[in-house]
Amino acid sequence: MALFHDEEPTSGFVRSDDILRTDRFTVFSTVPSRGYNLLVRAKRHGRWWMLKGLKESYRNDAVYQVLLQKEYEITSQLQHPMIVSVFSLEEVEGLGLCIVMEWIEGLTLKEWLAQGNHSRKQRRHVADMLLEALAYVQSRQTQHRDLKPSNILITHNGQYLKLIDFGLSDTDSHAILKAPAGTEGYMAPDGPSDIYSLGRILRELRLGWWSCLVIRKCCAPSIQRYTDIKTIKRDLHRCWLWPRRILLFICFVALVTGLYQQNRVQTQQGLQTVSDSLEVLKKEYKTKMTVEQATTDSLRLQIKQVNEQREAEHALIQKRQDDIAAAKRKIDQQMTAYGIQQMFDTVTCQRNITIPFLRIADELIKNTEEQELKDYINEHYRRPWIKRMNELPFD
């Protein structure tokens, strides 16, 4: 979990006999803590660990045992570089059931702020890391429920942030121990809210005047409060950028104004030149548009004429097809009037009867000018009758 200062040094060379191949913890040292939790630093495999268990007066209480079990189940599911790492839940001799977690060298955020020698850039960096950790916690459908500066560590190496102490945390999947929890001053009036607690912490970080707009919304009543950590981060970054943008804009306006005052005549001449150039371009553009419009009208007229010509040709073709179809129907009616089809189907048809019908077909072909009608008569009447006549026996 977390730890701060200790009189025993933690750096230096490690002797080979200090690294014992055993799963037992050694070199225990108690860390001051409030409430029912017992915090002990211990060494195993040449590495420091934090053991979080129950004080002796609470150790046999089933409620606190379940609470410890719940904290392990929730924290072990959170794998993030800015959240304390939990490795196991073990029975430790003399301490009972303990959560085994990483040992962190650093200061609490409360102690870090008390130093009072940090720039706004450093404080904003801490706020960024805290928002990133909480965004991950929220994405895991988890609530810390006890956010406060003493549960946030700033490491010595690299000023890295670690979120610790999930003893009061809760998730949607747990149905036990859901009573209101938190610390006075950081707990919302309407119940546990990580976003409300975050707003109080951001206020203590003194991130700048513009940030107050976001902090005010974090600490607003629940119906007006933020619901998403990512939105808070986005709005904070916008607030941090606005003063810089306004300053840059003011500098830009001042620079432009100064240059304009120094070169007023040249600017006017330049503007007049630009105006004249624009006027020339405008005239050229109008001329070009007139030519293009005339070309477009000509093309449209040509297209219209082509379409009308095509429609006329299509009408002529359609009329011719209708005339040929009518002529074919007329030929069929004439042949039907002669009884040719009935005679053709008669088995007893004689050759001397067939020949006159061939003469009728030849006469129709001779009197027809359209080649298509000639082909029609030849295909539907003359050739079938010739074939039929050749199949008839000679008398």
Protein backbone atom coordinates (compact mmCIF):
# COMPACT_ATOMS: atom_id res chain seq x y z
CA MET A 1 0.00 0.00 0.00
CA ALA A 2 1.45 3.27 0.97
CA LEU A 3 4.29 4.49 3.02
CA PHE A 4 6.14 7.60 3.63
CA HIS A 5 9.32 8.10 5.69
CA ASP A 6 11.16 5.60 7.80
CA GLU A 7 14.34 5.87 9.83
CA GLU A 8 15.75 2.66 8.34
CA PRO A 9 17.47 3.32 4.99
CA THR A 10 16.04 1.57 1.94
CA SER A 11 18.96 2.04 -0.46
CA GLY A 12 22.40 0.45 -0.70
CA PHE A 13 23.90 -2.86 -1.78
CA VAL A 14 22.10 -6.11 -0.95
CA ARG A 15 24.19 -8.98 0.40
CA SER A 16 23.49 -12.42 -1.02
CA ASP A 17 22.60 -13.78 2.41
CA ASP A 18 19.89 -11.11 2.74
CA ILE A 19 17.88 -12.66 -0.09
CA LEU A 20 16.24 -15.72 1.44
CA ARG A 21 14.41 -18.25 -0.68
CA THR A 22 11.36 -18.46 1.55
CA ASP A 23 7.77 -17.33 1.41
CA ARG A 24 7.89 -16.09 4.99
CA PHE A 25 7.90 -12.38 5.79
CA THR A 26 10.67 -10.96 7.96
CA VAL A 27 11.83 -7.60 9.34
CA PHE A 28 8.41 -6.33 10.40
CA SER A 29 7.85 -2.66 11.20
CA THR A 30 4.46 -1.16 12.05
CA VAL A 31 3.24 1.88 10.17
CA PRO A 32 1.00 4.32 12.10
CA SER A 33 -2.62 4.01 11.00
CA ARG A 34 -6.08 4.97 12.17
CA GLY A 35 -9.26 2.91 12.28
CA TYR A 36 -9.44 -0.85 12.24
CA ASN A 37 -6.63 -1.53 9.77
CA LEU A 38 -3.14 -2.65 10.75
CA LEU A 39 -0.32 -1.59 8.40
CA VAL A 40 3.00 -3.41 8.58
CA ARG A 41 6.05 -3.15 6.36
CA ALA A 42 7.83 -6.48 5.86
CA LYS A 43 10.53 -8.00 3.70
CA ARG A 44 10.31 -11.11 1.53
CA HIS A 45 12.62 -12.27 -1.27
CA GLY A 46 14.79 -9.20 -0.72
CA ARG A 47 11.93 -6.84 -1.40
CA TRP A 48 9.78 -4.62 0.80
CA TRP A 49 6.04 -5.24 0.96
CA MET A 50 3.09 -3.60 2.70
CA LEU A 51 0.82 -5.90 4.70
CA LYS A 52 -2.66 -4.59 5.42
CA GLY A 53 -4.58 -6.56 8.00
CA LEU A 54 -6.86 -6.03 11.00
CA LYS A 55 -5.89 -4.75 14.39
CA GLU A 56 -6.07 -7.40 17.09
CA SER A 57 -9.36 -6.12 18.53
CA TYR A 58 -11.06 -6.45 15.11
CA ARG A 59 -9.28 -9.56 13.85
CA ASN A 60 -11.99 -12.06 14.82
CA ASP A 61 -14.93 -9.85 13.80
CA ALA A 62 -16.67 -11.37 10.74
CA VAL A 63 -17.81 -7.97 9.44
CA TYR A 64 -14.27 -6.58 9.29
CA GLN A 65 -12.97 -9.82 7.79
CA VAL A 66 -15.55 -9.52 4.99
CA LEU A 67 -14.61 -5.86 4.55
CA LEU A 68 -10.93 -6.82 4.15
CA GLN A 69 -11.91 -9.57 1.70
CA LYS A 70 -14.01 -7.09 -0.29
CA GLU A 71 -11.14 -4.58 -0.47
CA TYR A 72 -8.84 -7.30 -1.83
CA GLU A 73 -11.36 -8.43 -4.44
CA ILE A 74 -11.87 -4.88 -5.70
CA THR A 75 -8.26 -3.67 -5.60
CA SER A 76 -6.82 -6.82 -7.18
CA GLN A 77 -8.95 -6.11 -10.26
CA LEU A 78 -7.44 -2.63 -10.68
CA GLN A 79 -4.24 -2.91 -12.71
CA HIS A 80 -2.96 0.59 -13.37
CA PRO A 81 0.45 2.27 -12.84
CA MET A 82 -1.17 5.03 -10.75
CA ILE A 83 -3.05 2.67 -8.44
CA VAL A 84 -1.42 0.64 -5.68
CA SER A 85 -0.75 -2.94 -6.84
CA VAL A 86 -2.26 -5.79 -4.81
CA PHE A 87 -0.72 -9.24 -5.15
CA SER A 88 -2.43 -11.65 -2.78
CA LEU A 89 -4.53 -12.26 0.33
CA GLU A 90 -2.56 -14.39 2.79
CA GLU A 91 -2.51 -15.61 6.36
CA VAL A 92 0.58 -14.08 7.98
CA GLU A 93 1.86 -15.50 11.24
CA GLY A 94 1.10 -13.13 14.10
CA LEU A 95 -0.95 -10.76 11.90
CA GLY A 96 -3.77 -12.97 10.64
CA LEU A 97 -5.35 -12.42 7.23
CA CYS A 98 -3.47 -9.70 5.32
CA ILE A 99 -3.56 -8.08 1.90
CA VAL A 100 -0.08 -8.17 0.34
CA MET A 101 0.60 -5.07 -1.74
CA GLU A 102 3.49 -3.06 -3.10
CA TRP A 103 5.53 -0.80 -0.85
CA ILE A 104 5.60 2.82 -2.04
CA GLU A 105 8.20 5.36 -0.99
CA GLY A 106 6.73 8.84 -1.02
CA LEU A 107 4.65 11.55 0.59
CA THR A 108 0.91 11.88 0.91
CA LEU A 109 -0.60 14.63 -1.21
CA LYS A 110 -1.37 16.47 2.02
CA GLU A 111 2.32 16.44 3.02
CA TRP A 112 3.39 17.28 -0.52
CA LEU A 113 1.12 20.35 -0.59
CA ALA A 114 2.33 21.38 2.87
CA GLN A 115 5.84 21.84 1.44
CA GLY A 116 4.43 24.82 -0.49
CA ASN A 117 7.27 25.06 -3.00
CA HIS A 118 5.61 23.54 -6.05
CA SER A 119 4.90 25.40 -9.27
CA ARG A 120 1.46 25.52 -10.89
CA LYS A 121 2.80 23.28 -13.67
CA GLN A 122 3.74 20.60 -11.08
CA ARG A 123 0.34 20.86 -9.37
CA ARG A 124 -1.44 20.52 -12.71
CA HIS A 125 0.69 17.48 -13.51
CA VAL A 126 -0.44 15.88 -10.22
CA ALA A 127 -4.07 16.73 -11.09
CA ASP A 128 -3.63 15.11 -14.51
CA MET A 129 -2.30 11.90 -12.97
CA LEU A 130 -5.12 11.82 -10.41
CA LEU A 131 -7.73 12.27 -13.16
CA GLU A 132 -6.16 9.48 -15.19
CA ALA A 133 -6.25 7.09 -12.22
CA LEU A 134 -9.86 7.97 -11.37
CA ALA A 135 -10.94 7.65 -15.01
CA TYR A 136 -9.60 4.09 -14.97
CA VAL A 137 -11.34 3.34 -11.65
CA GLN A 138 -14.61 4.68 -13.06
CA SER A 139 -14.19 2.61 -16.24
CA ARG A 140 -14.06 -0.49 -13.98
CA GLN A 141 -17.47 0.47 -12.48
CA THR A 142 -15.73 1.11 -9.14
CA GLN A 143 -16.02 3.90 -6.58
CA HIS A 144 -13.16 4.72 -4.21
CA ARG A 145 -15.59 6.41 -1.74
CA ASP A 146 -12.79 7.83 0.44
CA LEU A 147 -10.85 10.20 -1.80
CA LYS A 148 -8.75 12.64 0.20
CA PRO A 149 -5.15 13.95 0.10
CA SER A 150 -3.97 11.39 2.68
CA ASN A 151 -5.05 8.54 0.36
CA ILE A 152 -2.98 9.88 -2.54
CA LEU A 153 0.78 9.32 -2.60
CA ILE A 154 3.40 11.27 -4.55
CA THR A 155 6.47 9.08 -5.01
CA HIS A 156 10.00 10.36 -4.47
CA ASN A 157 11.30 9.13 -7.81
CA GLY A 158 9.83 11.06 -10.68
CA GLN A 159 6.95 12.67 -8.75
CA TYR A 160 4.65 9.79 -9.68
CA LEU A 161 1.14 9.53 -8.21
CA LYS A 162 -0.34 6.44 -6.54
CA LEU A 163 -3.96 6.11 -5.42
CA ILE A 164 -4.19 3.98 -2.26
CA ASP A 165 -6.55 2.71 0.46
CA PHE A 166 -9.59 1.15 -1.21
CA GLY A 167 -10.94 -0.02 2.15
CA LEU A 168 -14.29 1.75 1.65
CA SER A 169 -14.50 1.23 -2.12
CA ASP A 170 -17.47 -0.41 -3.77
CA THR A 171 -18.56 -1.82 -7.15
CA ASP A 172 -21.89 -2.57 -8.78
CA SER A 173 -21.14 -6.30 -8.58
CA HIS A 174 -20.90 -6.31 -4.77
CA ALA A 175 -24.12 -6.46 -2.78
CA ILE A 176 -22.63 -6.25 0.72
CA LEU A 177 -21.40 -3.44 3.00
CA LYS A 178 -22.96 -0.60 1.02
CA ALA A 179 -23.45 1.81 3.91
CA PRO A 180 -22.47 5.48 3.34
CA ALA A 181 -18.74 6.04 3.79
CA GLY A 182 -16.15 8.75 3.45
CA THR A 183 -14.27 11.45 5.33
CA GLU A 184 -15.83 14.65 6.58
CA GLY A 185 -14.96 17.56 4.34
CA TYR A 186 -14.51 15.34 1.28
CA MET A 187 -17.81 13.43 1.34
CA ALA A 188 -20.72 14.93 -0.61
CA PRO A 189 -23.82 15.97 1.40
CA ASP A 190 -25.95 13.63 -0.72
CA GLY A 191 -23.73 10.57 -0.15
CA PRO A 192 -20.41 9.12 -1.36
CA SER A 193 -19.26 10.71 -4.62
CA ASP A 194 -15.74 10.43 -6.02
CA ILE A 195 -16.38 13.44 -8.28
CA TYR A 196 -17.36 15.64 -5.33
CA SER A 197 -14.26 14.52 -3.40
CA LEU A 198 -12.15 15.13 -6.53
CA GLY A 199 -13.48 18.70 -6.70
CA ARG A 200 -12.39 19.36 -3.10
CA ILE A 201 -8.92 17.97 -3.82
CA LEU A 202 -8.57 20.02 -7.03
CA ARG A 203 -9.46 23.13 -5.04
CA GLU A 204 -6.58 22.42 -2.63
CA LEU A 205 -4.19 21.99 -5.57
CA ARG A 206 -4.77 25.67 -6.57
CA LEU A 207 -4.80 25.06 -10.32
CA GLY A 208 -5.70 28.61 -11.35
CA TRP A 209 -8.70 30.93 -11.45
CA TRP A 210 -10.24 29.43 -14.58
CA SER A 211 -10.20 25.96 -12.99
CA CYS A 212 -12.72 27.18 -10.42
CA LEU A 213 -15.45 26.82 -13.05
CA VAL A 214 -14.80 23.08 -13.29
CA ILE A 215 -14.30 22.65 -9.53
CA ARG A 216 -17.60 24.41 -8.85
CA LYS A 217 -19.43 21.95 -11.10
CA CYS A 218 -17.68 18.99 -9.40
CA CYS A 219 -18.94 20.17 -6.02
CA ALA A 220 -22.42 21.16 -7.24
CA PRO A 221 -25.60 19.26 -6.20
CA SER A 222 -25.84 15.79 -7.70
CA ILE A 223 -28.26 16.82 -10.47
CA GLN A 224 -25.77 19.47 -11.75
CA ARG A 225 -22.57 17.58 -10.99
CA TYR A 226 -20.24 16.00 -13.55
CA THR A 227 -20.83 12.29 -14.19
CA ASP A 228 -17.70 11.45 -16.17
CA ILE A 229 -14.04 11.92 -15.20
CA LYS A 230 -12.93 12.25 -18.83
CA THR A 231 -15.24 15.24 -19.27
CA ILE A 232 -13.68 16.88 -16.19
CA LYS A 233 -10.19 16.36 -17.63
CA ARG A 234 -11.24 17.82 -20.99
CA ASP A 235 -12.83 20.90 -19.39
CA LEU A 236 -9.84 21.45 -17.09
CA HIS A 237 -7.41 21.41 -20.01
CA ARG A 238 -9.62 23.91 -21.83
CA CYS A 239 -9.56 26.17 -18.77
CA TRP A 240 -5.76 25.92 -18.60
CA LEU A 241 -5.40 26.82 -22.28
CA TRP A 242 -7.79 29.79 -22.35
CA PRO A 243 -5.56 32.29 -20.44
CA ARG A 244 -2.67 31.46 -22.74
CA ARG A 245 -4.86 31.84 -25.81
CA ILE A 246 -6.21 35.17 -24.58
CA LEU A 247 -2.67 36.40 -23.86
CA LEU A 248 -1.50 35.32 -27.30
CA PHE A 249 -4.49 37.01 -28.87
CA ILE A 250 -3.79 40.27 -26.98
CA CYS A 251 -0.14 40.16 -28.04
CA PHE A 252 -1.18 39.50 -31.62
CA VAL A 253 -3.64 42.42 -31.60
CA ALA A 254 -1.04 44.73 -30.06
CA LEU A 255 1.54 43.71 -32.66
CA VAL A 256 -0.87 44.21 -35.54
CA THR A 257 -2.00 47.58 -34.16
CA GLY A 258 1.57 48.79 -33.75
CA LEU A 259 2.55 47.72 -37.25
CA TYR A 260 -0.58 49.35 -38.65
CA GLN A 261 0.15 52.66 -36.94
CA GLN A 262 3.76 52.68 -38.15
CA ASN A 263 2.90 51.81 -41.74
CA ARG A 264 -0.51 53.40 -42.17
CA VAL A 265 0.16 55.00 -45.53
CA GLN A 266 1.83 51.89 -46.90
CA THR A 267 -1.03 49.81 -45.60
CA GLN A 268 -3.58 52.05 -47.32
CA GLN A 269 -1.64 51.91 -50.58
CA GLY A 270 -1.38 48.20 -50.27
CA LEU A 271 -5.09 47.89 -49.59
CA GLN A 272 -5.84 50.10 -52.60
CA THR A 273 -3.60 47.94 -54.77
CA VAL A 274 -5.33 44.84 -53.49
CA SER A 275 -8.72 46.48 -54.14
CA ASP A 276 -7.72 47.33 -57.72
CA SER A 277 -6.43 43.83 -58.26
CA LEU A 278 -9.65 42.40 -56.92
CA GLU A 279 -11.64 44.67 -59.24
CA VAL A 280 -9.62 43.48 -62.24
CA LEU A 281 -10.07 39.90 -61.19
CA LYS A 282 -13.78 40.53 -60.74
CA LYS A 283 -14.09 41.90 -64.30
CA GLU A 284 -12.07 39.02 -65.70
CA TYR A 285 -14.23 36.63 -63.77
CA LYS A 286 -17.43 38.21 -65.13
CA THR A 287 -16.07 38.01 -68.70
CA LYS A 288 -15.05 34.41 -68.21
CA MET A 289 -18.43 33.57 -66.74
CA THR A 290 -20.19 35.25 -69.71
CA VAL A 291 -18.16 33.17 -72.19
CA GLU A 292 -18.76 30.01 -70.19
CA GLN A 293 -22.48 30.77 -69.98
CA ALA A 294 -22.65 31.29 -73.78
CA THR A 295 -20.78 28.02 -74.31
CA THR A 296 -23.10 26.26 -71.89
CA ASP A 297 -26.20 27.63 -73.66
CA SER A 298 -24.81 26.53 -77.02
CA LEU A 299 -24.11 23.05 -75.71
CA ARG A 300 -27.59 22.85 -74.21
CA LEU A 301 -29.14 23.91 -77.57
CA GLN A 302 -27.09 21.29 -79.42
CA ILE A 303 -28.07 18.63 -76.93
CA LYS A 304 -31.71 19.66 -77.28
CA GLN A 305 -31.53 19.43 -81.09
CA VAL A 306 -29.84 16.01 -80.90
CA ASN A 307 -32.50 14.79 -78.49
CA GLU A 308 -35.30 16.09 -80.75
CA GLN A 309 -33.68 14.43 -83.77
CA ARG A 310 -33.38 11.15 -81.86
CA GLU A 311 -37.00 11.36 -80.80
CA ALA A 312 -38.08 11.99 -84.42
CA GLU A 313 -36.01 9.05 -85.65
CA HIS A 314 -37.40 6.87 -82.89
CA ALA A 315 -40.95 7.92 -83.89
CA LEU A 316 -40.25 7.04 -87.54
CA ILE A 317 -38.80 3.65 -86.56
CA GLN A 318 -41.77 2.98 -84.32
CA LYS A 319 -44.21 3.99 -87.09
CA ARG A 320 -42.48 1.71 -89.58
CA GLN A 321 -42.58 -1.19 -87.12
CA ASP A 322 -46.28 -0.52 -86.52
CA ASP A 323 -46.93 -0.40 -90.30
CA ILE A 324 -45.08 -3.68 -90.87
CA ALA A 325 -46.94 -5.32 -87.98
CA ALA A 326 -50.26 -4.11 -89.47
CA ALA A 327 -49.25 -5.43 -92.94
CA LYS A 328 -48.37 -8.81 -91.43
CA ARG A 329 -51.73 -8.96 -89.72
CA LYS A 330 -53.41 -8.08 -93.06
CA ILE A 331 -51.49 -10.86 -94.85
CA ASP A 332 -52.48 -13.31 -92.11
CA GLN A 333 -56.14 -12.24 -92.51
CA GLN A 334 -55.99 -12.74 -96.31
CA MET A 335 -54.42 -16.16 -95.97
CA THR A 336 -56.98 -17.10 -93.35
CA ALA A 337 -59.74 -16.01 -95.74
CA TYR A 338 -58.40 -18.38 -98.39
CA GLY A 339 -58.47 -21.25 -95.89
CA ILE A 340 -54.83 -22.02 -96.44
CA GLN A 341 -54.12 -23.06 -92.84
CA GLN A 342 -57.04 -25.52 -92.80
CA MET A 343 -55.96 -26.94 -96.13
CA PHE A 344 -52.36 -27.21 -94.93
CA ASP A 345 -53.49 -29.22 -91.92
CA THR A 346 -55.61 -31.56 -94.07
CA VAL A 347 -53.87 -34.84 -94.63
CA THR A 348 -55.76 -35.51 -97.89
CA CYS A 349 -54.52 -32.29 -99.44
CA GLN A 350 -53.63 -32.97 -103.08
CA ARG A 351 -50.84 -31.46 -105.14
CA ASN A 352 -53.19 -29.82 -107.63
CA ILE A 353 -54.86 -27.95 -104.75
CA THR A 354 -51.58 -26.90 -103.18
CA ILE A 355 -50.16 -25.21 -106.25
CA PRO A 356 -52.82 -22.46 -106.45
CA PHE A 357 -52.07 -21.46 -102.89
CA LEU A 358 -48.37 -21.20 -103.77
CA ARG A 359 -49.35 -18.92 -106.60
CA ILE A 360 -51.27 -16.77 -104.13
CA ALA A 361 -48.16 -16.55 -101.91
CA ASP A 362 -45.96 -15.72 -104.93
CA GLU A 363 -48.42 -13.03 -106.00
CA LEU A 364 -48.35 -11.48 -102.50
CA ILE A 365 -44.56 -11.48 -102.53
CA LYS A 366 -44.52 -9.88 -105.96
CA ASN A 367 -46.96 -7.13 -104.92
CA THR A 368 -45.09 -6.34 -101.67
CA GLU A 369 -42.28 -3.77 -101.66
CA GLU A 370 -41.05 -4.26 -98.08
CA GLN A 371 -38.36 -6.94 -97.92
CA GLU A 372 -39.34 -7.74 -94.36
CA LEU A 373 -42.90 -8.57 -95.49
CA LYS A 374 -41.57 -10.65 -98.38
CA ASP A 375 -39.43 -12.63 -95.93
CA TYR A 376 -42.44 -13.03 -93.64
CA ILE A 377 -44.67 -14.46 -96.45
CA ASN A 378 -41.89 -16.69 -97.70
CA GLU A 379 -41.11 -18.01 -94.19
CA HIS A 380 -44.67 -18.49 -92.90
CA TYR A 381 -46.54 -19.58 -96.05
CA ARG A 382 -44.52 -20.29 -99.18
CA ARG A 383 -41.77 -22.49 -97.74
CA PRO A 384 -44.13 -24.57 -95.54
CA TRP A 385 -46.41 -25.20 -98.57
CA ILE A 386 -43.46 -26.19 -100.78
CA LYS A 387 -42.30 -28.60 -98.08
CA ARG A 388 -45.83 -29.96 -97.75
CA MET A 389 -46.16 -30.35 -101.52
CA ASN A 390 -42.89 -32.30 -101.71
CA GLU A 391 -44.13 -34.62 -99.02
CA LEU A 392 -47.41 -35.43 -100.90
CA PRO A 393 -47.45 -38.59 -102.97
CA PHE A 394 -47.78 -38.37 -106.71
CA ASP A 395 -51.16 -39.40 -108.09
